[in-house]
Amino acid sequence: MPEAAQIRVQVNEVIVPITVTDDKGRFVSNLDAKDFQIFEDGKEQRIAYFNRERNQPVVVGFLLDLSNSSRLHWKNFQESAKELVWNLLEDERAGKYSGFLVTYGNDAELAVNTTNDSGRITDRIQKLKPGGGAALYDAIYLACTQHKLVHGEPIEPRRVLVIIGDGGDNSSKHTLDQVLEIAQRNLVTIYAMSTAAYGFQNTAAGNLTRLAEETGGRVVYPLENVYSEISGYLSTPSDDGNYAIGVGTGGYASAVAKNMFNAIVNVAGEVTTQYILRYTPANTDSPKQFRNIKVEVKTLANVKLRYRKGYYPYAP
């Protein structure tokens, strides 16, 4: 395996990927630069670059949870991870998108270094088996700092991480705050597909939410509403209580498969359907370590925007 590079970012130009959805969650994809305003610490910035074309170059780090908590639905998430890799690295995106694989159980490992070949990543995923602890934070740190660089990172192509796990961590040397800072310093956007099983309390869900929201991504929960569209859920009494279908049945498997497919579509849609704004900070003499970003669409009401909450302008 090629030696991984140590990534360091000195921010002279700030990249802000933005997702815009309407009140029904549908992507709004017909806006222009004049529709946006961007502020840094309350001061409006001049937009130097704007792009709304689909399939802009991206380096995607796939982070796959191999801990014991993934066992229950491992096959489903194993197949979903492969499908997501194929979805993002193949077809019309070939050559523009590249990816790498980081796995984490008791330890984090760069399992496949940066490549345009989706087969290298999916073949490795197929051979994996879960077991052990969860070093999620170490995996994020590794993904942000130790992979083969693509020319132009982090501006073009930009950097994205997709976590497939439940957000739990019991084995890392790093903390949530530390890896959130390193992600923000490296201009990384984090998405997550939660593996938390239906009916199980997931106290770590807030970790995924914080990682995603503060870097401009989102979390999808394919197992959260497995029963929501099934006739009988909380309405028709049955021998099994309010659950109309049972784990291991064809109905349950079909519902899980549908939700997994929707989760893949949602994550891929977020990554590939974004506006990209860039600006050079007007106040380069500010001593502030962390600078806050705010984006507004001045021409539309009732839209939701997802974007990074801020950045660190200097290397630590």
C-alpha atoms as a PDB file:
ATOM      1  CA  MET A   1       0.000   0.000   0.000  1.00  0.00           C
ATOM      2  CA  PRO A   2       1.399   3.467  -0.900  1.00  0.00           C
ATOM      3  CA  GLU A   3       2.555   5.552   2.000  1.00  0.00           C
ATOM      4  CA  ALA A   4      -0.231   7.856   3.132  1.00  0.00           C
ATOM      5  CA  ALA A   5       0.292  11.591   3.118  1.00  0.00           C
ATOM      6  CA  GLN A   6       0.024  13.798   6.179  1.00  0.00           C
ATOM      7  CA  ILE A   7      -2.548  16.425   5.253  1.00  0.00           C
ATOM      8  CA  ARG A   8      -2.159  20.036   6.338  1.00  0.00           C
ATOM      9  CA  VAL A   9      -4.501  22.849   5.318  1.00  0.00           C
ATOM     10  CA  GLN A  10      -3.706  26.573   5.335  1.00  0.00           C
ATOM     11  CA  VAL A  11      -6.946  28.291   4.390  1.00  0.00           C
ATOM     12  CA  ASN A  12      -6.614  31.221   1.969  1.00  0.00           C
ATOM     13  CA  GLU A  13      -9.869  30.425   0.178  1.00  0.00           C
ATOM     14  CA  VAL A  14     -12.895  28.975   1.953  1.00  0.00           C
ATOM     15  CA  ILE A  15     -15.039  26.392   0.204  1.00  0.00           C
ATOM     16  CA  VAL A  16     -18.675  26.097   1.317  1.00  0.00           C
ATOM     17  CA  PRO A  17     -20.744  23.252  -0.182  1.00  0.00           C
ATOM     18  CA  ILE A  18     -24.450  24.060   0.328  1.00  0.00           C
ATOM     19  CA  THR A  19     -27.521  21.847   0.131  1.00  0.00           C
ATOM     20  CA  VAL A  20     -30.842  23.647  -0.321  1.00  0.00           C
ATOM     21  CA  THR A  21     -34.163  21.843   0.195  1.00  0.00           C
ATOM     22  CA  ASP A  22     -37.763  23.022   0.256  1.00  0.00           C
ATOM     23  CA  ASP A  23     -40.303  22.424   3.018  1.00  0.00           C
ATOM     24  CA  LYS A  24     -40.916  18.893   1.691  1.00  0.00           C
ATOM     25  CA  GLY A  25     -37.229  17.965   1.684  1.00  0.00           C
ATOM     26  CA  ARG A  26     -36.831  18.181  -2.100  1.00  0.00           C
ATOM     27  CA  PHE A  27     -33.608  19.574  -3.547  1.00  0.00           C
ATOM     28  CA  VAL A  28     -33.776  23.132  -4.878  1.00  0.00           C
ATOM     29  CA  SER A  29     -31.336  23.119  -7.778  1.00  0.00           C
ATOM     30  CA  ASN A  30     -32.115  26.204  -9.896  1.00  0.00           C
ATOM     31  CA  LEU A  31     -30.514  28.978  -7.833  1.00  0.00           C
ATOM     32  CA  ASP A  32     -27.751  31.320  -9.005  1.00  0.00           C
ATOM     33  CA  ALA A  33     -24.939  33.145  -7.212  1.00  0.00           C
ATOM     34  CA  LYS A  34     -27.096  36.282  -6.904  1.00  0.00           C
ATOM     35  CA  ASP A  35     -29.573  34.318  -4.743  1.00  0.00           C
ATOM     36  CA  PHE A  36     -26.993  33.685  -1.998  1.00  0.00           C
ATOM     37  CA  GLN A  37     -25.420  35.775   0.718  1.00  0.00           C
ATOM     38  CA  ILE A  38     -22.525  34.469   2.785  1.00  0.00           C
ATOM     39  CA  PHE A  39     -21.252  35.952   6.048  1.00  0.00           C
ATOM     40  CA  GLU A  40     -18.136  35.337   8.126  1.00  0.00           C
ATOM     41  CA  ASP A  41     -18.469  36.390  11.775  1.00  0.00           C
ATOM     42  CA  GLY A  42     -21.380  38.600  10.754  1.00  0.00           C
ATOM     43  CA  LYS A  43     -19.577  40.377   7.901  1.00  0.00           C
ATOM     44  CA  GLU A  44     -20.790  39.741   4.347  1.00  0.00           C
ATOM     45  CA  GLN A  45     -18.207  38.204   2.011  1.00  0.00           C
ATOM     46  CA  ARG A  46     -17.837  38.502  -1.754  1.00  0.00           C
ATOM     47  CA  ILE A  47     -18.573  35.223  -3.516  1.00  0.00           C
ATOM     48  CA  ALA A  48     -15.556  34.578  -5.744  1.00  0.00           C
ATOM     49  CA  TYR A  49     -16.698  31.249  -7.208  1.00  0.00           C
ATOM     50  CA  PHE A  50     -20.091  29.631  -7.726  1.00  0.00           C
ATOM     51  CA  ASN A  51     -21.000  26.244  -9.204  1.00  0.00           C
ATOM     52  CA  ARG A  52     -24.268  24.346  -9.306  1.00  0.00           C
ATOM     53  CA  GLU A  53     -23.340  21.579 -11.737  1.00  0.00           C
ATOM     54  CA  ARG A  54     -23.904  18.009 -10.606  1.00  0.00           C
ATOM     55  CA  ASN A  55     -21.055  15.575 -10.128  1.00  0.00           C
ATOM     56  CA  GLN A  56     -18.349  18.038  -9.198  1.00  0.00           C
ATOM     57  CA  PRO A  57     -15.064  16.333  -8.262  1.00  0.00           C
ATOM     58  CA  VAL A  58     -15.062  14.809  -4.776  1.00  0.00           C
ATOM     59  CA  VAL A  59     -12.812  12.551  -2.711  1.00  0.00           C
ATOM     60  CA  VAL A  60     -15.068  10.314  -0.607  1.00  0.00           C
ATOM     61  CA  GLY A  61     -13.805   8.517   2.473  1.00  0.00           C
ATOM     62  CA  PHE A  62     -16.028   5.567   3.379  1.00  0.00           C
ATOM     63  CA  LEU A  63     -15.828   4.775   7.130  1.00  0.00           C
ATOM     64  CA  LEU A  64     -17.264   1.362   7.969  1.00  0.00           C
ATOM     65  CA  ASP A  65     -18.099   0.257  11.518  1.00  0.00           C
ATOM     66  CA  LEU A  66     -16.851  -3.275  12.290  1.00  0.00           C
ATOM     67  CA  SER A  67     -17.847  -3.276  15.956  1.00  0.00           C
ATOM     68  CA  ASN A  68     -20.166  -5.800  17.604  1.00  0.00           C
ATOM     69  CA  SER A  69     -23.042  -3.329  17.335  1.00  0.00           C
ATOM     70  CA  SER A  70     -23.086  -3.884  13.550  1.00  0.00           C
ATOM     71  CA  ARG A  71     -23.682  -7.634  13.766  1.00  0.00           C
ATOM     72  CA  LEU A  72     -27.493  -7.644  13.720  1.00  0.00           C
ATOM     73  CA  HIS A  73     -27.845  -6.051  10.285  1.00  0.00           C
ATOM     74  CA  TRP A  74     -24.301  -6.560   9.020  1.00  0.00           C
ATOM     75  CA  LYS A  75     -25.210  -8.124   5.668  1.00  0.00           C
ATOM     76  CA  ASN A  76     -27.647  -5.311   4.911  1.00  0.00           C
ATOM     77  CA  PHE A  77     -25.115  -2.604   5.651  1.00  0.00           C
ATOM     78  CA  GLN A  78     -22.325  -4.489   3.917  1.00  0.00           C
ATOM     79  CA  GLU A  79     -24.391  -4.552   0.727  1.00  0.00           C
ATOM     80  CA  SER A  80     -25.480  -0.938   1.228  1.00  0.00           C
ATOM     81  CA  ALA A  81     -21.868   0.184   1.618  1.00  0.00           C
ATOM     82  CA  LYS A  82     -20.940  -1.521  -1.651  1.00  0.00           C
ATOM     83  CA  GLU A  83     -23.964   0.004  -3.390  1.00  0.00           C
ATOM     84  CA  LEU A  84     -23.011   3.460  -2.154  1.00  0.00           C
ATOM     85  CA  VAL A  85     -19.444   3.027  -3.437  1.00  0.00           C
ATOM     86  CA  TRP A  86     -20.733   1.931  -6.845  1.00  0.00           C
ATOM     87  CA  ASN A  87     -23.239   4.786  -6.886  1.00  0.00           C
ATOM     88  CA  LEU A  88     -20.633   7.466  -6.207  1.00  0.00           C
ATOM     89  CA  LEU A  89     -17.547   6.174  -8.041  1.00  0.00           C
ATOM     90  CA  GLU A  90     -18.975   4.679 -11.219  1.00  0.00           C
ATOM     91  CA  ASP A  91     -20.928   5.672 -14.332  1.00  0.00           C
ATOM     92  CA  GLU A  92     -20.871   9.371 -15.262  1.00  0.00           C
ATOM     93  CA  ARG A  93     -18.775  10.250 -12.237  1.00  0.00           C
ATOM     94  CA  ALA A  94     -15.904   7.981 -13.257  1.00  0.00           C
ATOM     95  CA  GLY A  95     -12.669   9.941 -13.194  1.00  0.00           C
ATOM     96  CA  LYS A  96     -14.172  12.819 -11.207  1.00  0.00           C
ATOM     97  CA  TYR A  97     -14.847  10.908  -8.012  1.00  0.00           C
ATOM     98  CA  SER A  98     -12.278   8.949  -6.058  1.00  0.00           C
ATOM     99  CA  GLY A  99     -12.602   7.188  -2.743  1.00  0.00           C
ATOM    100  CA  PHE A 100     -10.848   5.355   0.051  1.00  0.00           C
ATOM    101  CA  LEU A 101     -11.968   2.941   2.759  1.00  0.00           C
ATOM    102  CA  VAL A 102     -11.315   3.223   6.490  1.00  0.00           C
ATOM    103  CA  THR A 103     -12.570   0.434   8.758  1.00  0.00           C
ATOM    104  CA  TYR A 104     -12.861   0.647  12.512  1.00  0.00           C
ATOM    105  CA  GLY A 105     -13.298  -1.911  15.247  1.00  0.00           C
ATOM    106  CA  ASN A 106     -10.872  -1.950  18.156  1.00  0.00           C
ATOM    107  CA  ASP A 107      -8.569   0.069  15.893  1.00  0.00           C
ATOM    108  CA  ALA A 108      -8.923   2.253  12.813  1.00  0.00           C
ATOM    109  CA  GLU A 109      -7.286   1.086   9.577  1.00  0.00           C
ATOM    110  CA  LEU A 110      -6.816   2.597   6.141  1.00  0.00           C
ATOM    111  CA  ALA A 111      -8.104  -0.516   4.376  1.00  0.00           C
ATOM    112  CA  VAL A 112      -7.984   0.826   0.782  1.00  0.00           C
ATOM    113  CA  ASN A 113      -6.077   3.955  -0.167  1.00  0.00           C
ATOM    114  CA  THR A 114      -7.400   6.579  -2.579  1.00  0.00           C
ATOM    115  CA  THR A 115      -8.531   5.087  -5.888  1.00  0.00           C
ATOM    116  CA  ASN A 116     -10.959   5.601  -8.781  1.00  0.00           C
ATOM    117  CA  ASP A 117     -11.521   1.829  -8.900  1.00  0.00           C
ATOM    118  CA  SER A 118     -14.728   1.045  -7.027  1.00  0.00           C
ATOM    119  CA  GLY A 119     -13.980  -2.675  -7.306  1.00  0.00           C
ATOM    120  CA  ARG A 120     -10.949  -2.392  -5.016  1.00  0.00           C
ATOM    121  CA  ILE A 121     -13.121  -0.928  -2.276  1.00  0.00           C
ATOM    122  CA  THR A 122     -16.152  -3.204  -2.727  1.00  0.00           C
ATOM    123  CA  ASP A 123     -13.977  -6.329  -2.875  1.00  0.00           C
ATOM    124  CA  ARG A 124     -12.435  -5.392   0.467  1.00  0.00           C
ATOM    125  CA  ILE A 125     -15.860  -4.641   1.978  1.00  0.00           C
ATOM    126  CA  GLN A 126     -17.104  -8.071   0.876  1.00  0.00           C
ATOM    127  CA  LYS A 127     -14.351  -9.776   2.896  1.00  0.00           C
ATOM    128  CA  LEU A 128     -14.969  -7.877   6.133  1.00  0.00           C
ATOM    129  CA  LYS A 129     -16.589  -9.278   9.274  1.00  0.00           C
ATOM    130  CA  PRO A 130     -17.691  -7.315  12.356  1.00  0.00           C
ATOM    131  CA  GLY A 131     -16.458  -7.897  15.890  1.00  0.00           C
ATOM    132  CA  GLY A 132     -14.839  -5.959  18.713  1.00  0.00           C
ATOM    133  CA  GLY A 133     -14.993  -2.368  19.867  1.00  0.00           C
ATOM    134  CA  ALA A 134     -15.543   0.889  18.013  1.00  0.00           C
ATOM    135  CA  ALA A 135     -12.778   3.425  17.332  1.00  0.00           C
ATOM    136  CA  LEU A 136     -14.908   5.884  15.353  1.00  0.00           C
ATOM    137  CA  TYR A 137     -13.040   9.030  16.355  1.00  0.00           C
ATOM    138  CA  ASP A 138      -9.678   7.495  15.450  1.00  0.00           C
ATOM    139  CA  ALA A 139     -11.192   6.520  12.085  1.00  0.00           C
ATOM    140  CA  ILE A 140     -12.247  10.114  11.410  1.00  0.00           C
ATOM    141  CA  TYR A 141      -8.819  11.405  12.409  1.00  0.00           C
ATOM    142  CA  LEU A 142      -7.157   8.850  10.118  1.00  0.00           C
ATOM    143  CA  ALA A 143      -9.489   9.697   7.226  1.00  0.00           C
ATOM    144  CA  CYS A 144      -8.810  13.425   7.603  1.00  0.00           C
ATOM    145  CA  THR A 145      -5.040  13.175   7.852  1.00  0.00           C
ATOM    146  CA  GLN A 146      -3.692   9.956   6.330  1.00  0.00           C
ATOM    147  CA  HIS A 147      -4.709   9.087   2.795  1.00  0.00           C
ATOM    148  CA  LYS A 148      -3.131   9.508  -0.621  1.00  0.00           C
ATOM    149  CA  LEU A 149      -3.907  13.055  -1.739  1.00  0.00           C
ATOM    150  CA  VAL A 150      -5.674  13.929  -4.967  1.00  0.00           C
ATOM    151  CA  HIS A 151      -4.360  16.998  -6.758  1.00  0.00           C
ATOM    152  CA  GLY A 152      -6.443  20.019  -5.816  1.00  0.00           C
ATOM    153  CA  GLU A 153      -7.709  18.853  -2.415  1.00  0.00           C
ATOM    154  CA  PRO A 154      -9.532  20.235  -0.510  1.00  0.00           C
ATOM    155  CA  ILE A 155     -10.895  22.845  -2.932  1.00  0.00           C
ATOM    156  CA  GLU A 156     -11.402  20.832  -6.114  1.00  0.00           C
ATOM    157  CA  PRO A 157     -11.917  18.006  -5.547  1.00  0.00           C
ATOM    158  CA  ARG A 158     -13.545  18.666  -2.204  1.00  0.00           C
ATOM    159  CA  ARG A 159     -13.514  16.245   0.746  1.00  0.00           C
ATOM    160  CA  VAL A 160     -16.419  14.152   2.023  1.00  0.00           C
ATOM    161  CA  LEU A 161     -16.624  11.403   4.643  1.00  0.00           C
ATOM    162  CA  VAL A 162     -19.505   8.909   4.807  1.00  0.00           C
ATOM    163  CA  ILE A 163     -19.773   7.048   8.129  1.00  0.00           C
ATOM    164  CA  ILE A 164     -21.684   3.768   8.113  1.00  0.00           C
ATOM    165  CA  GLY A 165     -22.076   3.061  11.827  1.00  0.00           C
ATOM    166  CA  ASP A 166     -24.153   3.885  14.892  1.00  0.00           C
ATOM    167  CA  GLY A 167     -21.963   6.701  16.252  1.00  0.00           C
ATOM    168  CA  GLY A 168     -20.684   4.704  19.217  1.00  0.00           C
ATOM    169  CA  ASP A 169     -17.071   4.869  20.306  1.00  0.00           C
ATOM    170  CA  ASN A 170     -15.348   2.912  23.082  1.00  0.00           C
ATOM    171  CA  SER A 171     -11.820   2.412  21.714  1.00  0.00           C
ATOM    172  CA  SER A 172     -10.448   5.709  20.379  1.00  0.00           C
ATOM    173  CA  LYS A 173      -7.443   7.658  21.546  1.00  0.00           C
ATOM    174  CA  HIS A 174      -9.017  10.841  20.185  1.00  0.00           C
ATOM    175  CA  THR A 175     -12.148  12.634  21.402  1.00  0.00           C
ATOM    176  CA  LEU A 176     -15.223  13.882  19.574  1.00  0.00           C
ATOM    177  CA  ASP A 177     -14.142  17.512  19.983  1.00  0.00           C
ATOM    178  CA  GLN A 178     -10.663  16.764  18.638  1.00  0.00           C
ATOM    179  CA  VAL A 179     -11.851  15.026  15.481  1.00  0.00           C
ATOM    180  CA  LEU A 180     -14.566  17.602  14.844  1.00  0.00           C
ATOM    181  CA  GLU A 181     -11.869  20.265  14.895  1.00  0.00           C
ATOM    182  CA  ILE A 182      -9.593  18.276  12.583  1.00  0.00           C
ATOM    183  CA  ALA A 183     -12.499  17.765  10.160  1.00  0.00           C
ATOM    184  CA  GLN A 184     -13.260  21.495  10.168  1.00  0.00           C
ATOM    185  CA  ARG A 185      -9.591  22.349   9.716  1.00  0.00           C
ATOM    186  CA  ASN A 186      -9.427  20.040   6.688  1.00  0.00           C
ATOM    187  CA  LEU A 187     -12.669  21.372   5.146  1.00  0.00           C
ATOM    188  CA  VAL A 188     -14.323  17.947   5.360  1.00  0.00           C
ATOM    189  CA  THR A 189     -18.095  17.431   5.114  1.00  0.00           C
ATOM    190  CA  ILE A 190     -19.385  14.440   7.091  1.00  0.00           C
ATOM    191  CA  TYR A 191     -22.433  12.314   6.240  1.00  0.00           C
ATOM    192  CA  ALA A 192     -23.619   9.244   8.113  1.00  0.00           C
ATOM    193  CA  MET A 193     -25.859   6.234   7.533  1.00  0.00           C
ATOM    194  CA  SER A 194     -26.803   5.051  11.010  1.00  0.00           C
ATOM    195  CA  THR A 195     -26.691   1.311  11.691  1.00  0.00           C
ATOM    196  CA  ALA A 196     -28.689   1.671  14.908  1.00  0.00           C
ATOM    197  CA  ALA A 197     -31.292  -1.113  14.889  1.00  0.00           C
ATOM    198  CA  TYR A 198     -35.004  -0.393  15.264  1.00  0.00           C
ATOM    199  CA  GLY A 199     -36.162  -0.625  18.876  1.00  0.00           C
ATOM    200  CA  PHE A 200     -32.681  -0.258  20.377  1.00  0.00           C
ATOM    201  CA  GLN A 201     -31.834   2.874  22.317  1.00  0.00           C
ATOM    202  CA  ASN A 202     -28.877   4.554  20.696  1.00  0.00           C
ATOM    203  CA  THR A 203     -27.242   6.950  23.124  1.00  0.00           C
ATOM    204  CA  ALA A 204     -24.510   7.727  20.580  1.00  0.00           C
ATOM    205  CA  ALA A 205     -26.859   9.137  17.924  1.00  0.00           C
ATOM    206  CA  GLY A 206     -25.985  12.657  19.020  1.00  0.00           C
ATOM    207  CA  ASN A 207     -22.350  12.069  18.024  1.00  0.00           C
ATOM    208  CA  LEU A 208     -23.310  11.502  14.392  1.00  0.00           C
ATOM    209  CA  THR A 209     -25.690  14.455  14.445  1.00  0.00           C
ATOM    210  CA  ARG A 210     -23.053  16.835  15.772  1.00  0.00           C
ATOM    211  CA  LEU A 211     -20.376  15.636  13.329  1.00  0.00           C
ATOM    212  CA  ALA A 212     -22.741  16.054  10.390  1.00  0.00           C
ATOM    213  CA  GLU A 213     -24.457  19.306  11.303  1.00  0.00           C
ATOM    214  CA  GLU A 214     -21.283  21.205  12.190  1.00  0.00           C
ATOM    215  CA  THR A 215     -19.535  20.183   8.957  1.00  0.00           C
ATOM    216  CA  GLY A 216     -22.534  20.679   6.657  1.00  0.00           C
ATOM    217  CA  GLY A 217     -23.653  17.068   6.176  1.00  0.00           C
ATOM    218  CA  ARG A 218     -26.589  15.025   7.432  1.00  0.00           C
ATOM    219  CA  VAL A 219     -27.476  11.688   9.039  1.00  0.00           C
ATOM    220  CA  VAL A 220     -29.944   9.162   7.594  1.00  0.00           C
ATOM    221  CA  TYR A 221     -31.565   6.429   9.685  1.00  0.00           C
ATOM    222  CA  PRO A 222     -32.656   3.521   7.445  1.00  0.00           C
ATOM    223  CA  LEU A 223     -33.698   1.302  10.377  1.00  0.00           C
ATOM    224  CA  GLU A 224     -35.561   3.936  12.350  1.00  0.00           C
ATOM    225  CA  ASN A 225     -38.955   3.639  10.647  1.00  0.00           C
ATOM    226  CA  VAL A 226     -38.953   0.087   9.362  1.00  0.00           C
ATOM    227  CA  TYR A 227     -42.584  -0.364  10.382  1.00  0.00           C
ATOM    228  CA  SER A 228     -43.940   3.074   9.565  1.00  0.00           C
ATOM    229  CA  GLU A 229     -45.488   2.175   6.207  1.00  0.00           C
ATOM    230  CA  ILE A 230     -46.583  -1.339   7.146  1.00  0.00           C
ATOM    231  CA  SER A 231     -50.286  -1.923   7.599  1.00  0.00           C
ATOM    232  CA  GLY A 232     -50.948  -2.725  11.241  1.00  0.00           C
ATOM    233  CA  TYR A 233     -48.207  -0.634  12.793  1.00  0.00           C
ATOM    234  CA  LEU A 234     -49.717   0.909  15.929  1.00  0.00           C
ATOM    235  CA  SER A 235     -53.204   0.484  14.423  1.00  0.00           C
ATOM    236  CA  THR A 236     -54.163  -3.160  13.955  1.00  0.00           C
ATOM    237  CA  PRO A 237     -53.727  -5.491  16.947  1.00  0.00           C
ATOM    238  CA  SER A 238     -51.855  -8.732  16.213  1.00  0.00           C
ATOM    239  CA  ASP A 239     -50.486 -11.692  18.105  1.00  0.00           C
ATOM    240  CA  ASP A 240     -47.113  -9.944  18.150  1.00  0.00           C
ATOM    241  CA  GLY A 241     -48.531  -6.732  19.594  1.00  0.00           C
ATOM    242  CA  ASN A 242     -48.343  -3.640  17.421  1.00  0.00           C
ATOM    243  CA  TYR A 243     -45.622  -5.013  15.137  1.00  0.00           C
ATOM    244  CA  ALA A 244     -47.206  -6.316  11.948  1.00  0.00           C
ATOM    245  CA  ILE A 245     -44.021  -7.952  10.685  1.00  0.00           C
ATOM    246  CA  GLY A 246     -41.287  -9.784  12.525  1.00  0.00           C
ATOM    247  CA  VAL A 247     -37.508  -9.773  12.194  1.00  0.00           C
ATOM    248  CA  GLY A 248     -36.484 -12.514   9.780  1.00  0.00           C
ATOM    249  CA  THR A 249     -39.722 -12.433   7.790  1.00  0.00           C
ATOM    250  CA  GLY A 250     -40.024 -11.483   4.141  1.00  0.00           C
ATOM    251  CA  GLY A 251     -41.992  -8.353   5.000  1.00  0.00           C
ATOM    252  CA  TYR A 252     -39.341  -7.140   7.396  1.00  0.00           C
ATOM    253  CA  ALA A 253     -36.533  -7.869   4.927  1.00  0.00           C
ATOM    254  CA  SER A 254     -38.421  -5.998   2.208  1.00  0.00           C
ATOM    255  CA  ALA A 255     -38.999  -2.986   4.468  1.00  0.00           C
ATOM    256  CA  VAL A 256     -35.330  -2.899   5.484  1.00  0.00           C
ATOM    257  CA  ALA A 257     -34.210  -3.200   1.845  1.00  0.00           C
ATOM    258  CA  LYS A 258     -36.477  -0.316   0.832  1.00  0.00           C
ATOM    259  CA  ASN A 259     -35.190   1.902   3.630  1.00  0.00           C
ATOM    260  CA  MET A 260     -31.570   1.015   2.820  1.00  0.00           C
ATOM    261  CA  PHE A 261     -32.130   1.926  -0.829  1.00  0.00           C
ATOM    262  CA  ASN A 262     -33.698   5.253   0.155  1.00  0.00           C
ATOM    263  CA  ALA A 263     -30.783   5.973   2.502  1.00  0.00           C
ATOM    264  CA  ILE A 264     -28.271   5.347  -0.293  1.00  0.00           C
ATOM    265  CA  VAL A 265     -30.207   7.617  -2.636  1.00  0.00           C
ATOM    266  CA  ASN A 266     -30.399  10.347   0.007  1.00  0.00           C
ATOM    267  CA  VAL A 267     -26.683  10.301   0.810  1.00  0.00           C
ATOM    268  CA  ALA A 268     -25.628  10.151  -2.841  1.00  0.00           C
ATOM    269  CA  GLY A 269     -28.092  12.912  -3.675  1.00  0.00           C
ATOM    270  CA  GLU A 270     -26.665  15.160  -0.970  1.00  0.00           C
ATOM    271  CA  VAL A 271     -23.087  14.649  -2.145  1.00  0.00           C
ATOM    272  CA  THR A 272     -23.827  15.162  -5.835  1.00  0.00           C
ATOM    273  CA  THR A 273     -26.525  17.874  -5.712  1.00  0.00           C
ATOM    274  CA  GLN A 274     -24.877  20.802  -3.994  1.00  0.00           C
ATOM    275  CA  TYR A 275     -24.023  24.396  -4.705  1.00  0.00           C
ATOM    276  CA  ILE A 276     -20.354  25.210  -4.245  1.00  0.00           C
ATOM    277  CA  LEU A 277     -19.425  28.696  -3.062  1.00  0.00           C
ATOM    278  CA  ARG A 278     -15.905  29.910  -2.441  1.00  0.00           C
ATOM    279  CA  TYR A 279     -14.672  33.167  -1.004  1.00  0.00           C
ATOM    280  CA  THR A 280     -11.447  34.737   0.227  1.00  0.00           C
ATOM    281  CA  PRO A 281     -11.964  36.065   3.769  1.00  0.00           C
ATOM    282  CA  ALA A 282     -12.089  39.854   3.836  1.00  0.00           C
ATOM    283  CA  ASN A 283     -10.639  40.107   7.357  1.00  0.00           C
ATOM    284  CA  THR A 284      -7.377  38.174   7.113  1.00  0.00           C
ATOM    285  CA  ASP A 285      -5.944  39.894  10.199  1.00  0.00           C
ATOM    286  CA  SER A 286      -8.557  38.525  12.592  1.00  0.00           C
ATOM    287  CA  PRO A 287      -6.934  36.720  15.539  1.00  0.00           C
ATOM    288  CA  LYS A 288      -9.923  34.393  15.934  1.00  0.00           C
ATOM    289  CA  GLN A 289      -9.062  30.710  15.722  1.00  0.00           C
ATOM    290  CA  PHE A 290     -12.543  29.565  14.664  1.00  0.00           C
ATOM    291  CA  ARG A 291     -14.571  31.682  12.272  1.00  0.00           C
ATOM    292  CA  ASN A 292     -18.333  31.297  11.973  1.00  0.00           C
ATOM    293  CA  ILE A 293     -20.086  31.020   8.613  1.00  0.00           C
ATOM    294  CA  LYS A 294     -23.689  31.895   7.833  1.00  0.00           C
ATOM    295  CA  VAL A 295     -25.368  31.429   4.451  1.00  0.00           C
ATOM    296  CA  GLU A 296     -28.735  32.830   3.397  1.00  0.00           C
ATOM    297  CA  VAL A 297     -30.917  32.498   0.312  1.00  0.00           C
ATOM    298  CA  LYS A 298     -32.304  36.003   0.002  1.00  0.00           C
ATOM    299  CA  THR A 299     -34.776  35.240  -2.806  1.00  0.00           C
ATOM    300  CA  LEU A 300     -36.702  32.315  -1.292  1.00  0.00           C
ATOM    301  CA  ALA A 301     -38.564  31.730   1.944  1.00  0.00           C
ATOM    302  CA  ASN A 302     -39.181  28.389   3.658  1.00  0.00           C
ATOM    303  CA  VAL A 303     -36.015  26.688   2.442  1.00  0.00           C
ATOM    304  CA  LYS A 304     -33.565  24.729   4.565  1.00  0.00           C
ATOM    305  CA  LEU A 305     -29.826  25.117   4.074  1.00  0.00           C
ATOM    306  CA  ARG A 306     -27.076  22.716   5.149  1.00  0.00           C
ATOM    307  CA  TYR A 307     -23.496  23.974   5.149  1.00  0.00           C
ATOM    308  CA  ARG A 308     -20.415  23.971   7.356  1.00  0.00           C
ATOM    309  CA  LYS A 309     -20.821  26.123  10.477  1.00  0.00           C
ATOM    310  CA  GLY A 310     -17.317  27.526  10.323  1.00  0.00           C
ATOM    311  CA  TYR A 311     -13.636  26.843   9.750  1.00  0.00           C
ATOM    312  CA  TYR A 312     -10.169  27.226  11.251  1.00  0.00           C
ATOM    313  CA  PRO A 313      -8.019  29.561   9.113  1.00  0.00           C
ATOM    314  CA  TYR A 314      -4.644  28.403  10.407  1.00  0.00           C
ATOM    315  CA  ALA A 315      -2.905  25.112  10.848  1.00  0.00           C
ATOM    316  CA  PRO A 316      -2.629  24.100  14.515  1.00  0.00           C
END
